[in-house]
Amino acid sequence: MQSYFKDSNWGKIHMKCAICYRERRLTKHHLIPVSRHKNKKTQKRHSKDALKSVIEICRECHNQLHATISEKDMDETYNSFTMLINHPEISKFTEWIRKHQPAGKVSVKSNRNKRSR
């Protein structure tokens, strides 16, 4: 079960990010990108339940995932939580971001070398 706290400034509930474990407002990340759901190969490769699978992560981790891994690669290779966190660049980012305070803002630069297969 995730822990949470109430932010006195905004009155919003914060929970721990599934990737970096920082207490932040979370976003939902589809393990298989929604933009790929109509693709015939994607539909054959994954069950309907798998297409609906999401993880709750902070905005910084979410931005890093999309800056690092193409949607095609997320569909074909990095379509599980375990595969995502074991991606070399994501695990390096995770180690780095865990050192930052929850209130700290982090800029994420797009990976210009990101390629789809």
C-alpha atoms as a PDB file:
ATOM      1  CA  MET A   1       0.000   0.000   0.000  1.00  0.00           C
ATOM      2  CA  GLN A   2       1.313   3.428  -0.899  1.00  0.00           C
ATOM      3  CA  SER A   3       1.799   6.030   1.783  1.00  0.00           C
ATOM      4  CA  TYR A   4       0.484   9.533   1.298  1.00  0.00           C
ATOM      5  CA  PHE A   5       0.442  12.962   2.925  1.00  0.00           C
ATOM      6  CA  LYS A   6      -1.592  16.113   2.500  1.00  0.00           C
ATOM      7  CA  ASP A   7       0.186  19.126   1.035  1.00  0.00           C
ATOM      8  CA  SER A   8      -0.885  22.040   3.236  1.00  0.00           C
ATOM      9  CA  ASN A   9      -0.276  24.561   0.437  1.00  0.00           C
ATOM     10  CA  TRP A  10      -2.459  22.939  -2.196  1.00  0.00           C
ATOM     11  CA  GLY A  11      -4.704  20.592  -0.253  1.00  0.00           C
ATOM     12  CA  LYS A  12      -3.812  17.778  -2.656  1.00  0.00           C
ATOM     13  CA  ILE A  13      -2.989  14.226  -1.705  1.00  0.00           C
ATOM     14  CA  HIS A  14       0.554  13.128  -2.551  1.00  0.00           C
ATOM     15  CA  MET A  15       1.638   9.514  -2.804  1.00  0.00           C
ATOM     16  CA  LYS A  16       4.931   7.760  -3.421  1.00  0.00           C
ATOM     17  CA  CYS A  17       6.039   7.427  -7.016  1.00  0.00           C
ATOM     18  CA  ALA A  18       6.373   3.773  -8.084  1.00  0.00           C
ATOM     19  CA  ILE A  19       9.772   4.517  -9.660  1.00  0.00           C
ATOM     20  CA  CYS A  20      11.613   7.021  -7.455  1.00  0.00           C
ATOM     21  CA  TYR A  21       9.595   6.572  -4.212  1.00  0.00           C
ATOM     22  CA  ARG A  22       9.421  10.343  -3.681  1.00  0.00           C
ATOM     23  CA  GLU A  23       6.176  11.691  -2.292  1.00  0.00           C
ATOM     24  CA  ARG A  24       4.684  13.714  -5.144  1.00  0.00           C
ATOM     25  CA  ARG A  25       1.455  14.279  -7.030  1.00  0.00           C
ATOM     26  CA  LEU A  26       1.238  11.325  -9.363  1.00  0.00           C
ATOM     27  CA  THR A  27       0.357  10.840 -13.008  1.00  0.00           C
ATOM     28  CA  LYS A  28      -0.810   7.640 -14.666  1.00  0.00           C
ATOM     29  CA  HIS A  29       1.575   6.071 -17.138  1.00  0.00           C
ATOM     30  CA  HIS A  30       0.159   3.457 -19.515  1.00  0.00           C
ATOM     31  CA  LEU A  31       2.684   0.640 -19.744  1.00  0.00           C
ATOM     32  CA  ILE A  32       1.617   0.219 -23.370  1.00  0.00           C
ATOM     33  CA  PRO A  33       1.176   3.713 -24.840  1.00  0.00           C
ATOM     34  CA  VAL A  34      -2.412   4.598 -25.781  1.00  0.00           C
ATOM     35  CA  SER A  35      -1.173   5.784 -29.175  1.00  0.00           C
ATOM     36  CA  ARG A  36      -0.202   2.151 -29.918  1.00  0.00           C
ATOM     37  CA  HIS A  37      -3.525   0.536 -28.879  1.00  0.00           C
ATOM     38  CA  LYS A  38      -5.027   0.591 -32.395  1.00  0.00           C
ATOM     39  CA  ASN A  39      -1.939  -0.982 -33.948  1.00  0.00           C
ATOM     40  CA  LYS A  40      -2.827  -4.525 -35.131  1.00  0.00           C
ATOM     41  CA  LYS A  41       0.487  -6.034 -33.951  1.00  0.00           C
ATOM     42  CA  THR A  42       0.034  -4.420 -30.538  1.00  0.00           C
ATOM     43  CA  GLN A  43      -3.481  -5.839 -30.257  1.00  0.00           C
ATOM     44  CA  LYS A  44      -2.187  -9.338 -31.091  1.00  0.00           C
ATOM     45  CA  ARG A  45       0.789  -9.034 -28.736  1.00  0.00           C
ATOM     46  CA  HIS A  46      -1.127  -7.850 -25.638  1.00  0.00           C
ATOM     47  CA  SER A  47      -4.370  -8.746 -23.890  1.00  0.00           C
ATOM     48  CA  LYS A  48      -7.072  -6.123 -23.323  1.00  0.00           C
ATOM     49  CA  ASP A  49      -6.137  -6.082 -19.621  1.00  0.00           C
ATOM     50  CA  ALA A  50      -2.482  -5.462 -20.494  1.00  0.00           C
ATOM     51  CA  LEU A  51      -3.498  -2.518 -22.687  1.00  0.00           C
ATOM     52  CA  LYS A  52      -5.246  -0.979 -19.674  1.00  0.00           C
ATOM     53  CA  SER A  53      -2.284  -1.440 -17.304  1.00  0.00           C
ATOM     54  CA  VAL A  54      -1.029   1.753 -15.698  1.00  0.00           C
ATOM     55  CA  ILE A  55       1.475   2.711 -13.022  1.00  0.00           C
ATOM     56  CA  GLU A  56       1.316   5.838 -10.897  1.00  0.00           C
ATOM     57  CA  ILE A  57       4.489   7.871 -11.150  1.00  0.00           C
ATOM     58  CA  CYS A  58       5.585  11.459 -10.576  1.00  0.00           C
ATOM     59  CA  ARG A  59       5.753  13.946 -13.450  1.00  0.00           C
ATOM     60  CA  GLU A  60       9.571  13.938 -13.468  1.00  0.00           C
ATOM     61  CA  CYS A  61       9.795  10.153 -13.869  1.00  0.00           C
ATOM     62  CA  HIS A  62       6.979  10.234 -16.437  1.00  0.00           C
ATOM     63  CA  ASN A  63       8.796  12.861 -18.494  1.00  0.00           C
ATOM     64  CA  GLN A  64      12.036  10.896 -18.276  1.00  0.00           C
ATOM     65  CA  LEU A  65      10.387   7.703 -19.516  1.00  0.00           C
ATOM     66  CA  HIS A  66       8.972   9.447 -22.581  1.00  0.00           C
ATOM     67  CA  ALA A  67      12.207  11.358 -23.228  1.00  0.00           C
ATOM     68  CA  THR A  68      14.250   8.158 -23.083  1.00  0.00           C
ATOM     69  CA  ILE A  69      12.148   5.370 -24.597  1.00  0.00           C
ATOM     70  CA  SER A  70      10.161   5.558 -27.830  1.00  0.00           C
ATOM     71  CA  GLU A  71       6.499   4.567 -27.727  1.00  0.00           C
ATOM     72  CA  LYS A  72       7.239   1.688 -30.088  1.00  0.00           C
ATOM     73  CA  ASP A  73       9.943   0.389 -27.736  1.00  0.00           C
ATOM     74  CA  MET A  74       7.574   0.780 -24.766  1.00  0.00           C
ATOM     75  CA  ASP A  75       5.054  -1.342 -26.655  1.00  0.00           C
ATOM     76  CA  GLU A  76       7.470  -4.017 -27.838  1.00  0.00           C
ATOM     77  CA  THR A  77      10.087  -4.274 -25.086  1.00  0.00           C
ATOM     78  CA  TYR A  78       9.476  -2.069 -22.051  1.00  0.00           C
ATOM     79  CA  ASN A  79       5.820  -2.951 -21.475  1.00  0.00           C
ATOM     80  CA  SER A  80       6.124  -4.069 -17.860  1.00  0.00           C
ATOM     81  CA  PHE A  81       7.148  -2.225 -14.728  1.00  0.00           C
ATOM     82  CA  THR A  82      10.138  -4.535 -14.259  1.00  0.00           C
ATOM     83  CA  MET A  83      11.405  -3.933 -17.787  1.00  0.00           C
ATOM     84  CA  LEU A  84      10.996  -0.145 -17.423  1.00  0.00           C
ATOM     85  CA  ILE A  85      12.959   0.155 -14.187  1.00  0.00           C
ATOM     86  CA  ASN A  86      15.694  -2.112 -15.547  1.00  0.00           C
ATOM     87  CA  HIS A  87      16.254   0.076 -18.624  1.00  0.00           C
ATOM     88  CA  PRO A  88      19.874   1.311 -18.205  1.00  0.00           C
ATOM     89  CA  GLU A  89      19.093   5.023 -18.574  1.00  0.00           C
ATOM     90  CA  ILE A  90      15.971   4.839 -16.405  1.00  0.00           C
ATOM     91  CA  SER A  91      17.781   3.017 -13.596  1.00  0.00           C
ATOM     92  CA  LYS A  92      20.571   5.627 -13.738  1.00  0.00           C
ATOM     93  CA  PHE A  93      17.977   8.440 -13.600  1.00  0.00           C
ATOM     94  CA  THR A  94      16.181   6.690 -10.728  1.00  0.00           C
ATOM     95  CA  GLU A  95      19.337   6.527  -8.625  1.00  0.00           C
ATOM     96  CA  TRP A  96      19.981  10.209  -9.296  1.00  0.00           C
ATOM     97  CA  ILE A  97      16.451  11.505  -8.648  1.00  0.00           C
ATOM     98  CA  ARG A  98      16.008   9.579  -5.384  1.00  0.00           C
ATOM     99  CA  LYS A  99      18.624  11.891  -3.880  1.00  0.00           C
ATOM    100  CA  HIS A 100      16.468  15.003  -4.482  1.00  0.00           C
ATOM    101  CA  GLN A 101      13.987  16.385  -1.974  1.00  0.00           C
ATOM    102  CA  PRO A 102      10.281  15.937  -2.824  1.00  0.00           C
ATOM    103  CA  ALA A 103       9.856  19.694  -3.255  1.00  0.00           C
ATOM    104  CA  GLY A 104      12.772  19.932  -5.667  1.00  0.00           C
ATOM    105  CA  LYS A 105      11.914  20.465  -9.318  1.00  0.00           C
ATOM    106  CA  VAL A 106      13.863  18.508 -11.885  1.00  0.00           C
ATOM    107  CA  SER A 107      14.262  19.387 -15.561  1.00  0.00           C
ATOM    108  CA  VAL A 108      14.309  16.514 -17.995  1.00  0.00           C
ATOM    109  CA  LYS A 109      16.076  16.882 -21.315  1.00  0.00           C
ATOM    110  CA  SER A 110      14.868  14.954 -24.313  1.00  0.00           C
ATOM    111  CA  ASN A 111      17.136  12.173 -25.474  1.00  0.00           C
ATOM    112  CA  ARG A 112      17.992  13.050 -29.064  1.00  0.00           C
ATOM    113  CA  ASN A 113      19.375   9.541 -29.567  1.00  0.00           C
ATOM    114  CA  LYS A 114      16.022   7.900 -28.813  1.00  0.00           C
ATOM    115  CA  ARG A 115      15.172   5.613 -31.678  1.00  0.00           C
ATOM    116  CA  SER A 116      12.367   3.250 -32.411  1.00  0.00           C
ATOM    117  CA  ARG A 117      13.213  -0.073 -33.930  1.00  0.00           C
END
